[in-house]
PDB file of all heavy atoms in Angstrom:
ATOM      1  N   ILE A   1     195.561  56.993 -70.657  1.00  0.00           N
ATOM      2  CA  ILE A   1     196.897  56.618 -70.373  1.00  0.00           C
ATOM      3  C   ILE A   1     197.024  56.465 -68.784  1.00  0.00           C
ATOM      4  O   ILE A   1     197.596  55.534 -68.279  1.00  0.00           O
ATOM      5  CB  ILE A   1     197.974  57.474 -70.957  1.00  0.00           C
ATOM      6  CG1 ILE A   1     197.843  57.473 -72.479  1.00  0.00           C
ATOM      7  CG2 ILE A   1     199.349  57.112 -70.569  1.00  0.00           C
ATOM      8  CD1 ILE A   1     197.922  56.148 -73.211  1.00  0.00           C
ATOM      9  N   HIS A   2     196.616  57.611 -68.169  1.00  0.00           N
ATOM     10  CA  HIS A   2     196.657  57.587 -66.609  1.00  0.00           C
ATOM     11  C   HIS A   2     195.854  56.348 -66.139  1.00  0.00           C
ATOM     12  O   HIS A   2     196.321  55.643 -65.230  1.00  0.00           O
ATOM     13  CB  HIS A   2     196.125  58.836 -66.104  1.00  0.00           C
ATOM     14  CG  HIS A   2     197.060  60.010 -66.181  1.00  0.00           C
ATOM     15  ND1 HIS A   2     198.116  60.137 -65.219  1.00  0.00           N
ATOM     16  CD2 HIS A   2     197.206  60.998 -67.014  1.00  0.00           C
ATOM     17  CE1 HIS A   2     198.804  61.213 -65.561  1.00  0.00           C
ATOM     18  NE2 HIS A   2     198.286  61.704 -66.629  1.00  0.00           N
ATOM     19  N   THR A   3     194.720  56.112 -66.677  1.00  0.00           N
ATOM     20  CA  THR A   3     193.875  55.026 -66.146  1.00  0.00           C
ATOM     21  C   THR A   3     194.531  53.689 -66.435  1.00  0.00           C
ATOM     22  O   THR A   3     194.436  52.811 -65.582  1.00  0.00           O
ATOM     23  CB  THR A   3     192.398  55.108 -66.833  1.00  0.00           C
ATOM     24  OG1 THR A   3     191.840  56.362 -66.434  1.00  0.00           O
ATOM     25  CG2 THR A   3     191.519  54.044 -66.397  1.00  0.00           C
ATOM     26  N   ALA A   4     195.007  53.587 -67.600  1.00  0.00           N
ATOM     27  CA  ALA A   4     195.806  52.318 -67.914  1.00  0.00           C
ATOM     28  C   ALA A   4     196.923  52.055 -66.994  1.00  0.00           C
ATOM     29  O   ALA A   4     197.195  50.905 -66.591  1.00  0.00           O
ATOM     30  CB  ALA A   4     196.206  52.268 -69.380  1.00  0.00           C
ATOM     31  N   TRP A   5     197.677  53.049 -66.741  1.00  0.00           N
ATOM     32  CA  TRP A   5     198.809  52.860 -65.778  1.00  0.00           C
ATOM     33  C   TRP A   5     198.328  52.369 -64.429  1.00  0.00           C
ATOM     34  O   TRP A   5     198.898  51.344 -63.955  1.00  0.00           O
ATOM     35  CB  TRP A   5     199.538  54.183 -65.592  1.00  0.00           C
ATOM     36  CG  TRP A   5     200.979  53.990 -65.020  1.00  0.00           C
ATOM     37  CD1 TRP A   5     202.229  53.977 -65.764  1.00  0.00           C
ATOM     38  CD2 TRP A   5     201.297  53.768 -63.637  1.00  0.00           C
ATOM     39  NE1 TRP A   5     203.143  53.744 -64.876  1.00  0.00           N
ATOM     40  CE2 TRP A   5     202.672  53.631 -63.584  1.00  0.00           C
ATOM     41  CE3 TRP A   5     200.593  53.670 -62.461  1.00  0.00           C
ATOM     42  CZ2 TRP A   5     203.450  53.387 -62.327  1.00  0.00           C
ATOM     43  CZ3 TRP A   5     201.243  53.397 -61.273  1.00  0.00           C
ATOM     44  CH2 TRP A   5     202.624  53.295 -61.261  1.00  0.00           C
ATOM     45  N   ASP A   6     197.337  52.991 -63.918  1.00  0.00           N
ATOM     46  CA  ASP A   6     196.656  52.516 -62.644  1.00  0.00           C
ATOM     47  C   ASP A   6     196.228  51.053 -62.724  1.00  0.00           C
ATOM     48  O   ASP A   6     196.550  50.278 -61.866  1.00  0.00           O
ATOM     49  CB  ASP A   6     195.593  53.316 -62.234  1.00  0.00           C
ATOM     50  CG  ASP A   6     195.944  54.793 -61.738  1.00  0.00           C
ATOM     51  OD1 ASP A   6     197.103  54.928 -61.312  1.00  0.00           O
ATOM     52  OD2 ASP A   6     195.180  55.714 -61.888  1.00  0.00           O
ATOM     53  N   SER A   7     195.434  50.783 -63.755  1.00  0.00           N
ATOM     54  CA  SER A   7     194.836  49.480 -63.847  1.00  0.00           C
ATOM     55  C   SER A   7     195.790  48.421 -64.142  1.00  0.00           C
ATOM     56  O   SER A   7     195.568  47.161 -63.815  1.00  0.00           O
ATOM     57  CB  SER A   7     193.676  49.463 -64.897  1.00  0.00           C
ATOM     58  OG  SER A   7     194.204  49.676 -66.201  1.00  0.00           O
ATOM     59  N   ILE A   8     196.881  48.653 -64.734  1.00  0.00           N
ATOM     60  CA  ILE A   8     197.863  47.623 -65.130  1.00  0.00           C
ATOM     61  C   ILE A   8     198.964  47.372 -64.005  1.00  0.00           C
ATOM     62  O   ILE A   8     199.210  46.387 -63.494  1.00  0.00           O
ATOM     63  CB  ILE A   8     198.569  47.897 -66.461  1.00  0.00           C
ATOM     64  CG1 ILE A   8     197.444  47.738 -67.557  1.00  0.00           C
ATOM     65  CG2 ILE A   8     199.735  46.955 -66.691  1.00  0.00           C
ATOM     66  CD1 ILE A   8     197.898  48.183 -68.925  1.00  0.00           C
ATOM     67  N   PHE A   9     199.608  48.588 -63.596  1.00  0.00           N
ATOM     68  CA  PHE A   9     200.718  48.425 -62.721  1.00  0.00           C
ATOM     69  C   PHE A   9     200.336  48.374 -61.188  1.00  0.00           C
ATOM     70  O   PHE A   9     201.103  47.949 -60.335  1.00  0.00           O
ATOM     71  CB  PHE A   9     201.714  49.635 -63.037  1.00  0.00           C
ATOM     72  CG  PHE A   9     202.264  49.513 -64.399  1.00  0.00           C
ATOM     73  CD1 PHE A   9     202.022  50.522 -65.260  1.00  0.00           C
ATOM     74  CD2 PHE A   9     203.060  48.430 -64.772  1.00  0.00           C
ATOM     75  CE1 PHE A   9     202.521  50.412 -66.561  1.00  0.00           C
ATOM     76  CE2 PHE A   9     203.542  48.402 -66.017  1.00  0.00           C
ATOM     77  CZ  PHE A   9     203.310  49.430 -67.019  1.00  0.00           C
ATOM     78  N   ALA A  10     199.125  48.822 -60.889  1.00  0.00           N
ATOM     79  CA  ALA A  10     198.727  48.792 -59.555  1.00  0.00           C
ATOM     80  C   ALA A  10     197.376  47.940 -59.407  1.00  0.00           C
ATOM     81  O   ALA A  10     196.663  48.093 -58.313  1.00  0.00           O
ATOM     82  CB  ALA A  10     198.370  50.201 -58.975  1.00  0.00           C
ATOM     83  N   LYS A  11     197.196  47.044 -60.318  1.00  0.00           N
ATOM     84  CA  LYS A  11     195.909  46.297 -60.280  1.00  0.00           C
ATOM     85  C   LYS A  11     195.730  45.394 -59.100  1.00  0.00           C
ATOM     86  O   LYS A  11     194.548  45.140 -58.749  1.00  0.00           O
ATOM     87  CB  LYS A  11     195.784  45.469 -61.575  1.00  0.00           C
ATOM     88  CG  LYS A  11     196.754  44.277 -61.640  1.00  0.00           C
ATOM     89  CD  LYS A  11     196.548  43.455 -62.934  1.00  0.00           C
ATOM     90  CE  LYS A  11     197.605  42.387 -63.035  1.00  0.00           C
ATOM     91  NZ  LYS A  11     197.574  41.801 -64.333  1.00  0.00           N
ATOM     92  N   ASN A  12     196.858  44.909 -58.479  1.00  0.00           N
ATOM     93  CA  ASN A  12     196.725  44.146 -57.312  1.00  0.00           C
ATOM     94  C   ASN A  12     196.714  44.804 -55.961  1.00  0.00           C
ATOM     95  O   ASN A  12     196.767  44.304 -54.918  1.00  0.00           O
ATOM     96  CB  ASN A  12     197.779  43.027 -57.308  1.00  0.00           C
ATOM     97  CG  ASN A  12     199.209  43.617 -57.184  1.00  0.00           C
ATOM     98  OD1 ASN A  12     199.410  44.691 -57.751  1.00  0.00           O
ATOM     99  ND2 ASN A  12     200.060  42.966 -56.493  1.00  0.00           N
ATOM    100  N   ILE A  13     196.704  46.169 -56.018  1.00  0.00           N
ATOM    101  CA  ILE A  13     196.733  46.997 -54.824  1.00  0.00           C
ATOM    102  C   ILE A  13     195.334  47.445 -54.503  1.00  0.00           C
ATOM    103  O   ILE A  13     194.708  48.196 -55.229  1.00  0.00           O
ATOM    104  CB  ILE A  13     197.626  48.211 -55.026  1.00  0.00           C
ATOM    105  CG1 ILE A  13     199.068  47.880 -55.671  1.00  0.00           C
ATOM    106  CG2 ILE A  13     197.839  49.028 -53.747  1.00  0.00           C
ATOM    107  CD1 ILE A  13     199.850  46.931 -54.863  1.00  0.00           C
ATOM    108  N   ASN A  14     194.752  46.844 -53.356  1.00  0.00           N
ATOM    109  CA  ASN A  14     193.374  47.229 -53.127  1.00  0.00           C
ATOM    110  C   ASN A  14     193.201  48.655 -52.554  1.00  0.00           C
ATOM    111  O   ASN A  14     194.200  49.282 -52.276  1.00  0.00           O
ATOM    112  CB  ASN A  14     192.813  46.183 -52.038  1.00  0.00           C
ATOM    113  CG  ASN A  14     193.444  46.183 -50.786  1.00  0.00           C
ATOM    114  OD1 ASN A  14     193.765  47.289 -50.201  1.00  0.00           O
ATOM    115  ND2 ASN A  14     193.597  44.964 -50.192  1.00  0.00           N
ATOM    116  N   GLU A  15     191.969  49.151 -52.447  1.00  0.00           N
ATOM    117  CA  GLU A  15     191.801  50.408 -52.042  1.00  0.00           C
ATOM    118  C   GLU A  15     192.256  50.815 -50.682  1.00  0.00           C
ATOM    119  O   GLU A  15     192.804  51.918 -50.394  1.00  0.00           O
ATOM    120  CB  GLU A  15     190.246  50.813 -52.163  1.00  0.00           C
ATOM    121  CG  GLU A  15     189.929  52.246 -52.080  1.00  0.00           C
ATOM    122  CD  GLU A  15     190.623  53.155 -53.007  1.00  0.00           C
ATOM    123  OE1 GLU A  15     190.751  52.817 -54.183  1.00  0.00           O
ATOM    124  OE2 GLU A  15     191.094  54.257 -52.627  1.00  0.00           O
ATOM    125  N   GLU A  16     192.074  49.824 -49.782  1.00  0.00           N
ATOM    126  CA  GLU A  16     192.537  50.127 -48.359  1.00  0.00           C
ATOM    127  C   GLU A  16     194.062  50.367 -48.344  1.00  0.00           C
ATOM    128  O   GLU A  16     194.590  51.233 -47.687  1.00  0.00           O
ATOM    129  CB  GLU A  16     192.229  48.974 -47.509  1.00  0.00           C
ATOM    130  CG  GLU A  16     192.546  49.147 -46.015  1.00  0.00           C
ATOM    131  CD  GLU A  16     192.134  47.937 -45.185  1.00  0.00           C
ATOM    132  OE1 GLU A  16     191.177  47.205 -45.535  1.00  0.00           O
ATOM    133  OE2 GLU A  16     192.874  47.702 -44.205  1.00  0.00           O
ATOM    134  N   THR A  17     194.800  49.464 -49.078  1.00  0.00           N
ATOM    135  CA  THR A  17     196.231  49.542 -49.189  1.00  0.00           C
ATOM    136  C   THR A  17     196.691  50.919 -49.833  1.00  0.00           C
ATOM    137  O   THR A  17     197.535  51.606 -49.377  1.00  0.00           O
ATOM    138  CB  THR A  17     196.840  48.407 -49.896  1.00  0.00           C
ATOM    139  OG1 THR A  17     196.531  47.217 -49.174  1.00  0.00           O
ATOM    140  CG2 THR A  17     198.402  48.563 -49.967  1.00  0.00           C
ATOM    141  N   ARG A  18     195.954  51.227 -50.914  1.00  0.00           N
ATOM    142  CA  ARG A  18     196.212  52.516 -51.637  1.00  0.00           C
ATOM    143  C   ARG A  18     196.130  53.729 -50.694  1.00  0.00           C
ATOM    144  O   ARG A  18     196.972  54.557 -50.732  1.00  0.00           O
ATOM    145  CB  ARG A  18     195.262  52.650 -52.803  1.00  0.00           C
ATOM    146  CG  ARG A  18     195.594  51.799 -53.998  1.00  0.00           C
ATOM    147  CD  ARG A  18     194.607  51.906 -55.090  1.00  0.00           C
ATOM    148  NE  ARG A  18     194.809  50.970 -56.193  1.00  0.00           N
ATOM    149  CZ  ARG A  18     194.603  51.181 -57.447  1.00  0.00           C
ATOM    150  NH1 ARG A  18     194.229  52.347 -57.899  1.00  0.00           N
ATOM    151  NH2 ARG A  18     194.868  50.254 -58.308  1.00  0.00           N
ATOM    152  N   GLN A  19     195.079  53.699 -49.898  1.00  0.00           N
ATOM    153  CA  GLN A  19     194.948  54.777 -48.871  1.00  0.00           C
ATOM    154  C   GLN A  19     196.075  54.777 -47.880  1.00  0.00           C
ATOM    155  O   GLN A  19     196.580  55.777 -47.542  1.00  0.00           O
ATOM    156  CB  GLN A  19     193.575  54.701 -48.201  1.00  0.00           C
ATOM    157  CG  GLN A  19     192.503  55.057 -49.097  1.00  0.00           C
ATOM    158  CD  GLN A  19     191.046  54.994 -48.489  1.00  0.00           C
ATOM    159  OE1 GLN A  19     190.975  54.727 -47.257  1.00  0.00           O
ATOM    160  NE2 GLN A  19     190.078  55.076 -49.280  1.00  0.00           N
ATOM    161  N   SER A  20     196.508  53.621 -47.405  1.00  0.00           N
ATOM    162  CA  SER A  20     197.457  53.450 -46.314  1.00  0.00           C
ATOM    163  C   SER A  20     198.889  53.897 -46.825  1.00  0.00           C
ATOM    164  O   SER A  20     199.731  54.336 -46.014  1.00  0.00           O
ATOM    165  CB  SER A  20     197.553  52.115 -45.731  1.00  0.00           C
ATOM    166  OG  SER A  20     198.037  51.157 -46.613  1.00  0.00           O
ATOM    167  N   ILE A  21     199.117  53.741 -48.155  1.00  0.00           N
ATOM    168  CA  ILE A  21     200.410  54.126 -48.639  1.00  0.00           C
ATOM    169  C   ILE A  21     200.387  55.454 -49.406  1.00  0.00           C
ATOM    170  O   ILE A  21     201.385  55.887 -50.060  1.00  0.00           O
ATOM    171  CB  ILE A  21     200.998  53.056 -49.574  1.00  0.00           C
ATOM    172  CG1 ILE A  21     200.190  52.823 -50.825  1.00  0.00           C
ATOM    173  CG2 ILE A  21     201.166  51.756 -48.868  1.00  0.00           C
ATOM    174  CD1 ILE A  21     200.774  51.972 -51.942  1.00  0.00           C
ATOM    175  N   PHE A  22     199.232  56.171 -49.322  1.00  0.00           N
ATOM    176  CA  PHE A  22     199.078  57.537 -49.982  1.00  0.00           C
ATOM    177  C   PHE A  22     199.325  57.431 -51.413  1.00  0.00           C
ATOM    178  O   PHE A  22     199.978  58.293 -52.104  1.00  0.00           O
ATOM    179  CB  PHE A  22     200.023  58.524 -49.296  1.00  0.00           C
ATOM    180  CG  PHE A  22     199.906  58.531 -47.883  1.00  0.00           C
ATOM    181  CD1 PHE A  22     200.842  57.911 -46.985  1.00  0.00           C
ATOM    182  CD2 PHE A  22     198.812  59.175 -47.234  1.00  0.00           C
ATOM    183  CE1 PHE A  22     200.679  57.945 -45.621  1.00  0.00           C
ATOM    184  CE2 PHE A  22     198.751  59.199 -45.791  1.00  0.00           C
ATOM    185  CZ  PHE A  22     199.548  58.506 -45.005  1.00  0.00           C
ATOM    186  N   TYR A  23     198.707  56.485 -52.105  1.00  0.00           N
ATOM    187  CA  TYR A  23     198.896  56.142 -53.514  1.00  0.00           C
ATOM    188  C   TYR A  23     198.528  57.341 -54.429  1.00  0.00           C
ATOM    189  O   TYR A  23     199.101  57.744 -55.341  1.00  0.00           O
ATOM    190  CB  TYR A  23     198.110  54.965 -53.928  1.00  0.00           C
ATOM    191  CG  TYR A  23     198.092  54.658 -55.426  1.00  0.00           C
ATOM    192  CD1 TYR A  23     199.179  53.958 -56.004  1.00  0.00           C
ATOM    193  CD2 TYR A  23     197.006  54.966 -56.203  1.00  0.00           C
ATOM    194  CE1 TYR A  23     199.161  53.617 -57.330  1.00  0.00           C
ATOM    195  CE2 TYR A  23     197.078  54.711 -57.611  1.00  0.00           C
ATOM    196  CZ  TYR A  23     198.154  54.042 -58.163  1.00  0.00           C
ATOM    197  OH  TYR A  23     198.240  53.639 -59.401  1.00  0.00           O
ATOM    198  N   GLU A  24     197.362  58.049 -53.987  1.00  0.00           N
ATOM    199  CA  GLU A  24     196.907  59.206 -54.787  1.00  0.00           C
ATOM    200  C   GLU A  24     197.888  60.353 -54.783  1.00  0.00           C
ATOM    201  O   GLU A  24     197.965  61.152 -55.665  1.00  0.00           O
ATOM    202  CB  GLU A  24     195.541  59.604 -54.396  1.00  0.00           C
ATOM    203  CG  GLU A  24     194.436  58.617 -54.812  1.00  0.00           C
ATOM    204  CD  GLU A  24     194.414  58.181 -56.243  1.00  0.00           C
ATOM    205  OE1 GLU A  24     194.575  59.163 -57.090  1.00  0.00           O
ATOM    206  OE2 GLU A  24     194.363  57.115 -56.550  1.00  0.00           O
ATOM    207  N   GLN A  25     198.576  60.421 -53.625  1.00  0.00           N
ATOM    208  CA  GLN A  25     199.575  61.504 -53.521  1.00  0.00           C
ATOM    209  C   GLN A  25     200.829  61.190 -54.397  1.00  0.00           C
ATOM    210  O   GLN A  25     201.293  62.055 -55.200  1.00  0.00           O
ATOM    211  CB  GLN A  25     200.070  61.606 -52.096  1.00  0.00           C
ATOM    212  CG  GLN A  25     201.144  62.821 -51.931  1.00  0.00           C
ATOM    213  CD  GLN A  25     201.482  62.851 -50.412  1.00  0.00           C
ATOM    214  OE1 GLN A  25     201.266  62.019 -49.643  1.00  0.00           O
ATOM    215  NE2 GLN A  25     202.242  63.944 -50.198  1.00  0.00           N
ATOM    216  N   PHE A  26     201.322  59.983 -54.420  1.00  0.00           N
ATOM    217  CA  PHE A  26     202.460  59.556 -55.237  1.00  0.00           C
ATOM    218  C   PHE A  26     202.087  58.033 -55.707  1.00  0.00           C
ATOM    219  O   PHE A  26     202.295  57.243 -54.789  1.00  0.00           O
ATOM    220  CB  PHE A  26     203.786  59.657 -54.555  1.00  0.00           C
ATOM    221  CG  PHE A  26     204.132  61.126 -54.291  1.00  0.00           C
ATOM    222  CD1 PHE A  26     204.137  61.538 -53.002  1.00  0.00           C
ATOM    223  CD2 PHE A  26     204.411  61.969 -55.301  1.00  0.00           C
ATOM    224  CE1 PHE A  26     204.460  62.863 -52.682  1.00  0.00           C
ATOM    225  CE2 PHE A  26     204.792  63.315 -55.069  1.00  0.00           C
ATOM    226  CZ  PHE A  26     204.739  63.773 -53.738  1.00  0.00           C
ATOM    227  N   LYS A  27     201.917  57.857 -56.857  1.00  0.00           N
ATOM    228  CA  LYS A  27     201.559  56.440 -57.356  1.00  0.00           C
ATOM    229  C   LYS A  27     202.809  55.524 -57.076  1.00  0.00           C
ATOM    230  O   LYS A  27     202.707  54.373 -56.924  1.00  0.00           O
ATOM    231  CB  LYS A  27     201.231  56.480 -58.789  1.00  0.00           C
ATOM    232  CG  LYS A  27     199.930  57.194 -59.015  1.00  0.00           C
ATOM    233  CD  LYS A  27     199.606  57.224 -60.492  1.00  0.00           C
ATOM    234  CE  LYS A  27     198.428  58.064 -60.711  1.00  0.00           C
ATOM    235  NZ  LYS A  27     197.484  57.569 -61.695  1.00  0.00           N
ATOM    236  N   TRP A  28     204.098  56.136 -57.179  1.00  0.00           N
ATOM    237  CA  TRP A  28     205.233  55.332 -56.981  1.00  0.00           C
ATOM    238  C   TRP A  28     205.395  54.807 -55.614  1.00  0.00           C
ATOM    239  O   TRP A  28     206.157  53.915 -55.377  1.00  0.00           O
ATOM    240  CB  TRP A  28     206.533  56.097 -57.408  1.00  0.00           C
ATOM    241  CG  TRP A  28     206.720  57.459 -56.785  1.00  0.00           C
ATOM    242  CD1 TRP A  28     206.471  58.671 -57.281  1.00  0.00           C
ATOM    243  CD2 TRP A  28     207.378  57.760 -55.535  1.00  0.00           C
ATOM    244  NE1 TRP A  28     206.859  59.633 -56.461  1.00  0.00           N
ATOM    245  CE2 TRP A  28     207.444  59.161 -55.356  1.00  0.00           C
ATOM    246  CE3 TRP A  28     207.887  56.957 -54.478  1.00  0.00           C
ATOM    247  CZ2 TRP A  28     207.911  59.764 -54.209  1.00  0.00           C
ATOM    248  CZ3 TRP A  28     208.379  57.573 -53.329  1.00  0.00           C
ATOM    249  CH2 TRP A  28     208.426  58.959 -53.225  1.00  0.00           C
ATOM    250  N   HIS A  29     204.518  55.208 -54.695  1.00  0.00           N
ATOM    251  CA  HIS A  29     204.510  54.532 -53.296  1.00  0.00           C
ATOM    252  C   HIS A  29     204.277  53.047 -53.370  1.00  0.00           C
ATOM    253  O   HIS A  29     204.686  52.348 -52.455  1.00  0.00           O
ATOM    254  CB  HIS A  29     203.500  55.202 -52.454  1.00  0.00           C
ATOM    255  CG  HIS A  29     204.059  56.549 -51.917  1.00  0.00           C
ATOM    256  ND1 HIS A  29     203.135  57.367 -51.033  1.00  0.00           N
ATOM    257  CD2 HIS A  29     205.129  57.226 -51.941  1.00  0.00           C
ATOM    258  CE1 HIS A  29     203.816  58.459 -50.738  1.00  0.00           C
ATOM    259  NE2 HIS A  29     205.014  58.415 -51.316  1.00  0.00           N
ATOM    260  N   ILE A  30     203.717  52.528 -54.426  1.00  0.00           N
ATOM    261  CA  ILE A  30     203.466  51.086 -54.611  1.00  0.00           C
ATOM    262  C   ILE A  30     204.897  50.442 -54.599  1.00  0.00           C
ATOM    263  O   ILE A  30     205.018  49.182 -54.216  1.00  0.00           O
ATOM    264  CB  ILE A  30     202.587  50.700 -55.838  1.00  0.00           C
ATOM    265  CG1 ILE A  30     203.362  51.084 -57.126  1.00  0.00           C
ATOM    266  CG2 ILE A  30     201.211  51.167 -55.643  1.00  0.00           C
ATOM    267  CD1 ILE A  30     202.541  50.528 -58.358  1.00  0.00           C
ATOM    268  N   PHE A  31     205.918  51.145 -55.020  1.00  0.00           N
ATOM    269  CA  PHE A  31     207.229  50.595 -55.078  1.00  0.00           C
ATOM    270  C   PHE A  31     208.001  50.861 -53.783  1.00  0.00           C
ATOM    271  O   PHE A  31     208.647  49.973 -53.188  1.00  0.00           O
ATOM    272  CB  PHE A  31     208.041  51.084 -56.242  1.00  0.00           C
ATOM    273  CG  PHE A  31     207.241  50.814 -57.563  1.00  0.00           C
ATOM    274  CD1 PHE A  31     206.954  51.847 -58.406  1.00  0.00           C
ATOM    275  CD2 PHE A  31     206.953  49.524 -57.975  1.00  0.00           C
ATOM    276  CE1 PHE A  31     206.245  51.663 -59.627  1.00  0.00           C
ATOM    277  CE2 PHE A  31     206.311  49.283 -59.158  1.00  0.00           C
ATOM    278  CZ  PHE A  31     205.932  50.351 -60.003  1.00  0.00           C
ATOM    279  N   SER A  32     207.926  52.107 -53.347  1.00  0.00           N
ATOM    280  CA  SER A  32     208.686  52.458 -52.125  1.00  0.00           C
ATOM    281  C   SER A  32     208.209  51.809 -50.870  1.00  0.00           C
ATOM    282  O   SER A  32     208.895  51.449 -50.013  1.00  0.00           O
ATOM    283  CB  SER A  32     208.693  53.992 -51.916  1.00  0.00           C
ATOM    284  OG  SER A  32     207.399  54.542 -51.703  1.00  0.00           O
ATOM    285  N   TYR A  33     206.846  51.479 -50.845  1.00  0.00           N
ATOM    286  CA  TYR A  33     206.263  50.816 -49.710  1.00  0.00           C
ATOM    287  C   TYR A  33     206.267  49.274 -50.011  1.00  0.00           C
ATOM    288  O   TYR A  33     205.622  48.519 -49.250  1.00  0.00           O
ATOM    289  CB  TYR A  33     204.801  51.314 -49.519  1.00  0.00           C
ATOM    290  CG  TYR A  33     204.641  52.546 -48.696  1.00  0.00           C
ATOM    291  CD1 TYR A  33     204.717  53.763 -49.388  1.00  0.00           C
ATOM    292  CD2 TYR A  33     204.462  52.491 -47.276  1.00  0.00           C
ATOM    293  CE1 TYR A  33     204.593  54.983 -48.567  1.00  0.00           C
ATOM    294  CE2 TYR A  33     204.415  53.705 -46.597  1.00  0.00           C
ATOM    295  CZ  TYR A  33     204.430  54.963 -47.267  1.00  0.00           C
ATOM    296  OH  TYR A  33     204.305  56.160 -46.538  1.00  0.00           O
ATOM    297  N   GLU A  34     206.986  48.879 -51.036  1.00  0.00           N
ATOM    298  CA  GLU A  34     207.194  47.519 -51.419  1.00  0.00           C
ATOM    299  C   GLU A  34     205.860  46.685 -51.452  1.00  0.00           C
ATOM    300  O   GLU A  34     205.792  45.502 -51.065  1.00  0.00           O
ATOM    301  CB  GLU A  34     208.167  46.852 -50.399  1.00  0.00           C
ATOM    302  CG  GLU A  34     209.552  47.562 -50.484  1.00  0.00           C
ATOM    303  CD  GLU A  34     210.605  46.975 -49.488  1.00  0.00           C
ATOM    304  OE1 GLU A  34     210.240  46.067 -48.671  1.00  0.00           O
ATOM    305  OE2 GLU A  34     211.780  47.309 -49.663  1.00  0.00           O
ATOM    306  N   GLN A  35     204.867  47.345 -52.182  1.00  0.00           N
ATOM    307  CA  GLN A  35     203.619  46.584 -52.449  1.00  0.00           C
ATOM    308  C   GLN A  35     203.751  45.945 -53.733  1.00  0.00           C
ATOM    309  O   GLN A  35     202.810  45.063 -54.114  1.00  0.00           O
ATOM    310  CB  GLN A  35     202.586  47.628 -52.374  1.00  0.00           C
ATOM    311  CG  GLN A  35     202.216  48.247 -51.048  1.00  0.00           C
ATOM    312  CD  GLN A  35     201.946  47.230 -49.947  1.00  0.00           C
ATOM    313  OE1 GLN A  35     201.023  46.408 -50.177  1.00  0.00           O
ATOM    314  NE2 GLN A  35     202.808  47.213 -48.900  1.00  0.00           N
ATOM    315  N   GLN A  36     204.699  46.409 -54.613  1.00  0.00           N
ATOM    316  CA  GLN A  36     204.949  45.782 -55.927  1.00  0.00           C
ATOM    317  C   GLN A  36     206.364  45.550 -56.048  1.00  0.00           C
ATOM    318  O   GLN A  36     207.268  46.384 -55.849  1.00  0.00           O
ATOM    319  CB  GLN A  36     204.458  46.826 -56.892  1.00  0.00           C
ATOM    320  CG  GLN A  36     204.143  46.344 -58.328  1.00  0.00           C
ATOM    321  CD  GLN A  36     202.975  45.419 -58.308  1.00  0.00           C
ATOM    322  OE1 GLN A  36     203.044  44.284 -57.966  1.00  0.00           O
ATOM    323  NE2 GLN A  36     201.819  45.893 -58.786  1.00  0.00           N
ATOM    324  N   ALA A  37     206.769  44.304 -56.305  1.00  0.00           N
ATOM    325  CA  ALA A  37     208.153  43.942 -56.584  1.00  0.00           C
ATOM    326  C   ALA A  37     208.715  44.716 -57.806  1.00  0.00           C
ATOM    327  O   ALA A  37     208.024  44.718 -58.738  1.00  0.00           O
ATOM    328  CB  ALA A  37     208.327  42.436 -56.668  1.00  0.00           C
ATOM    329  N   CYS A  38     209.960  45.218 -57.688  1.00  0.00           N
ATOM    330  CA  CYS A  38     210.480  45.962 -58.794  1.00  0.00           C
ATOM    331  C   CYS A  38     211.941  46.005 -58.598  1.00  0.00           C
ATOM    332  O   CYS A  38     212.580  45.765 -57.590  1.00  0.00           O
ATOM    333  CB  CYS A  38     209.951  47.374 -58.869  1.00  0.00           C
ATOM    334  SG  CYS A  38     210.360  48.401 -57.458  1.00  0.00           S
TER     335      CYS A  38
END
């Protein structure tokens, strides 16, 4: 389930961006850093 969440909702977020927004610390940073429209 964790893997599916990552692969579906953050699939367009590359590794470099994930590191720059601290994705592993908080996955929701894809939304707060506006990397994913929501």
